[in-house]
Amino acid sequence: MKILEFLSKKAIKANLVATSKEDTLKELVDLLINSGEIAKKDRAELIEALMARESLGSTAIGHNVGIPHAKIDSVKHLVAAFGLSQKGVDFDSLDGEPVYIFFLLIAPQDSAGPHLKALARISRLTKDKYFRDSLRQAKDEKTILKIISQEDEKRI
């Protein structure tokens, strides 16, 4: 599975402004709403689902990467947004470090397989220091998309 199979190209932001966990989640959700992937009426439910997931344990996996994710009924297919924070966000990361790289995953309730494959794919790619560093240095959405696309082609 490739990231670009589920990442909305219109839901990428190179400079997140949020500085808290909840505001970051809201900003990422708004990227999906503005791209047309998620209905605006589902915003509150989705943010609630994401915060509930975070209360179980942080989705910040270390190495400055966070993969917040949730499942809701109103979503028909797996979709993702990408956000880059220049300042870093305290996301209760496993290693105590701030998170700069965010992949937000939203899936239908009954999609365990694709949801887990997407989580595994992102987790595997972000273990690569060069990939993380390249994303962190990206200054615009076009560059981020190019970096992810190139990595997708290299590692299947």
Protein backbone atom coordinates (compact mmCIF):
# COMPACT_ATOMS: atom_id res chain seq x y z
CA MET A 1 0.00 0.00 0.00
CA LYS A 2 1.30 3.42 -0.97
CA ILE A 3 0.71 6.56 1.07
CA LEU A 4 -0.57 8.43 -1.98
CA GLU A 5 -3.36 5.85 -2.29
CA PHE A 6 -5.01 7.38 0.80
CA LEU A 7 -3.32 10.76 1.38
CA SER A 8 -5.47 13.61 0.06
CA LYS A 9 -3.20 15.77 -2.09
CA LYS A 10 -5.35 18.77 -1.13
CA ALA A 11 -4.96 18.06 2.60
CA ILE A 12 -1.26 18.83 3.01
CA LYS A 13 0.03 21.80 4.98
CA ALA A 14 3.67 22.82 5.27
CA ASN A 15 3.25 25.16 8.21
CA LEU A 16 0.78 24.16 10.90
CA VAL A 17 0.02 27.05 13.25
CA ALA A 18 -1.40 25.03 16.15
CA THR A 19 0.72 24.66 19.28
CA SER A 20 -1.39 22.23 21.34
CA LYS A 21 -2.46 18.64 20.74
CA GLU A 22 -6.17 19.43 20.39
CA ASP A 23 -5.61 22.46 18.15
CA THR A 24 -3.29 20.41 15.94
CA LEU A 25 -5.96 17.75 15.55
CA LYS A 26 -8.54 20.42 14.68
CA GLU A 27 -6.21 21.96 12.11
CA LEU A 28 -5.54 18.57 10.49
CA VAL A 29 -9.26 17.72 10.44
CA ASP A 30 -9.96 21.09 8.82
CA LEU A 31 -7.50 20.19 6.04
CA LEU A 32 -9.65 17.15 5.25
CA ILE A 33 -12.85 19.21 5.42
CA ASN A 34 -11.44 21.90 3.13
CA SER A 35 -10.24 19.28 0.66
CA GLY A 36 -13.75 17.82 0.46
CA GLU A 37 -12.74 14.45 1.96
CA ILE A 38 -14.74 14.90 5.19
CA ALA A 39 -18.12 16.62 5.60
CA LYS A 40 -18.08 19.73 7.79
CA LYS A 41 -21.02 18.30 9.81
CA ASP A 42 -18.72 15.46 10.96
CA ARG A 43 -16.02 17.78 12.39
CA ALA A 44 -17.06 17.63 16.06
CA GLU A 45 -17.56 13.83 15.99
CA LEU A 46 -14.19 13.33 14.36
CA ILE A 47 -12.31 15.58 16.80
CA GLU A 48 -14.04 13.81 19.67
CA ALA A 49 -13.01 10.40 18.27
CA LEU A 50 -9.41 11.57 17.83
CA MET A 51 -9.22 12.97 21.37
CA ALA A 52 -10.74 9.74 22.73
CA ARG A 53 -8.03 7.79 20.90
CA GLU A 54 -5.33 10.06 22.33
CA SER A 55 -6.70 9.48 25.84
CA LEU A 56 -5.85 5.78 25.42
CA GLY A 57 -2.23 6.65 24.71
CA SER A 58 -0.41 9.12 22.53
CA THR A 59 -0.21 8.46 18.80
CA ALA A 60 3.15 10.25 18.74
CA ILE A 61 5.47 7.35 17.92
CA GLY A 62 8.81 9.05 18.55
CA HIS A 63 11.41 10.57 16.21
CA ASN A 64 9.21 13.70 16.00
CA VAL A 65 6.38 11.81 14.24
CA GLY A 66 2.71 11.62 15.15
CA ILE A 67 0.07 9.45 13.49
CA PRO A 68 -3.22 10.49 15.06
CA HIS A 69 -6.01 8.23 13.83
CA ALA A 70 -9.66 7.42 14.37
CA LYS A 71 -12.56 5.54 12.85
CA ILE A 72 -15.99 7.05 12.31
CA ASP A 73 -19.12 5.78 10.58
CA SER A 74 -19.59 8.75 8.27
CA VAL A 75 -16.30 8.16 6.42
CA LYS A 76 -16.61 5.80 3.45
CA HIS A 77 -12.93 5.15 2.72
CA LEU A 78 -9.52 5.53 4.33
CA VAL A 79 -8.22 9.06 4.01
CA ALA A 80 -5.24 10.97 5.38
CA ALA A 81 -3.97 14.50 5.83
CA PHE A 82 -0.37 15.61 6.34
CA GLY A 83 0.82 18.52 8.43
CA LEU A 84 4.26 19.87 9.20
CA SER A 85 4.85 21.95 12.32
CA GLN A 86 7.88 24.23 12.16
CA LYS A 87 7.88 24.85 15.92
CA GLY A 88 6.93 21.34 17.07
CA VAL A 89 3.97 20.34 19.22
CA ASP A 90 4.00 18.69 22.64
CA PHE A 91 2.00 15.56 21.76
CA ASP A 92 2.94 13.39 24.76
CA SER A 93 5.36 11.50 22.56
CA LEU A 94 6.82 8.20 23.72
CA ASP A 95 10.31 9.70 23.61
CA GLY A 96 9.28 13.03 25.17
CA GLU A 97 10.26 14.95 22.03
CA PRO A 98 8.00 17.42 20.20
CA VAL A 99 6.20 16.29 17.05
CA TYR A 100 6.89 18.06 13.75
CA ILE A 101 5.55 15.52 11.25
CA PHE A 102 1.86 14.59 11.38
CA PHE A 103 -0.04 12.04 9.36
CA LEU A 104 -3.75 12.11 10.29
CA LEU A 105 -5.59 8.90 9.36
CA ILE A 106 -9.37 8.59 9.27
CA ALA A 107 -11.07 5.31 8.42
CA PRO A 108 -14.56 3.81 8.33
CA GLN A 109 -15.53 1.79 11.42
CA ASP A 110 -15.31 -1.54 9.59
CA SER A 111 -11.92 -1.09 7.90
CA ALA A 112 -9.42 -2.74 10.23
CA GLY A 113 -7.27 -4.14 7.39
CA PRO A 114 -6.62 -0.98 5.35
CA HIS A 115 -6.39 1.13 8.52
CA LEU A 116 -3.69 -1.09 10.02
CA LYS A 117 -1.81 -1.36 6.70
CA ALA A 118 -1.76 2.44 6.41
CA LEU A 119 -0.50 2.83 9.99
CA ALA A 120 2.21 0.24 9.34
CA ARG A 121 3.23 1.89 6.06
CA ILE A 122 3.59 5.34 7.60
CA SER A 123 5.37 3.94 10.63
CA ARG A 124 7.83 2.02 8.46
CA LEU A 125 8.64 4.98 6.20
CA THR A 126 9.06 7.42 9.07
CA LYS A 127 11.67 5.18 10.71
CA ASP A 128 14.00 6.41 7.95
CA LYS A 129 15.93 9.44 9.24
CA TYR A 130 16.58 10.78 5.72
CA PHE A 131 12.84 10.71 4.93
CA ARG A 132 11.99 12.50 8.20
CA ASP A 133 14.72 15.08 7.69
CA SER A 134 13.61 15.72 4.10
CA LEU A 135 10.02 16.30 5.24
CA ARG A 136 11.12 18.61 8.06
CA GLN A 137 13.13 20.75 5.64
CA ALA A 138 10.29 21.04 3.11
CA LYS A 139 9.06 24.62 2.75
CA ASP A 140 5.86 24.06 0.76
CA GLU A 141 3.12 21.53 0.02
CA LYS A 142 4.44 20.74 -3.45
CA THR A 143 7.82 19.69 -2.02
CA ILE A 144 6.17 17.55 0.67
CA LEU A 145 4.08 15.76 -1.96
CA LYS A 146 7.17 15.15 -4.08
CA ILE A 147 9.14 13.71 -1.13
CA ILE A 148 6.30 11.36 -0.16
CA SER A 149 5.78 10.34 -3.79
CA GLN A 150 9.47 9.53 -4.28
CA GLU A 151 9.56 7.49 -1.06
CA ASP A 152 6.40 5.64 -2.11
CA GLU A 153 8.07 4.61 -5.37
CA LYS A 154 11.27 3.43 -3.65
CA ARG A 155 9.66 1.28 -0.99
CA ILE A 156 6.68 -0.87 -1.77
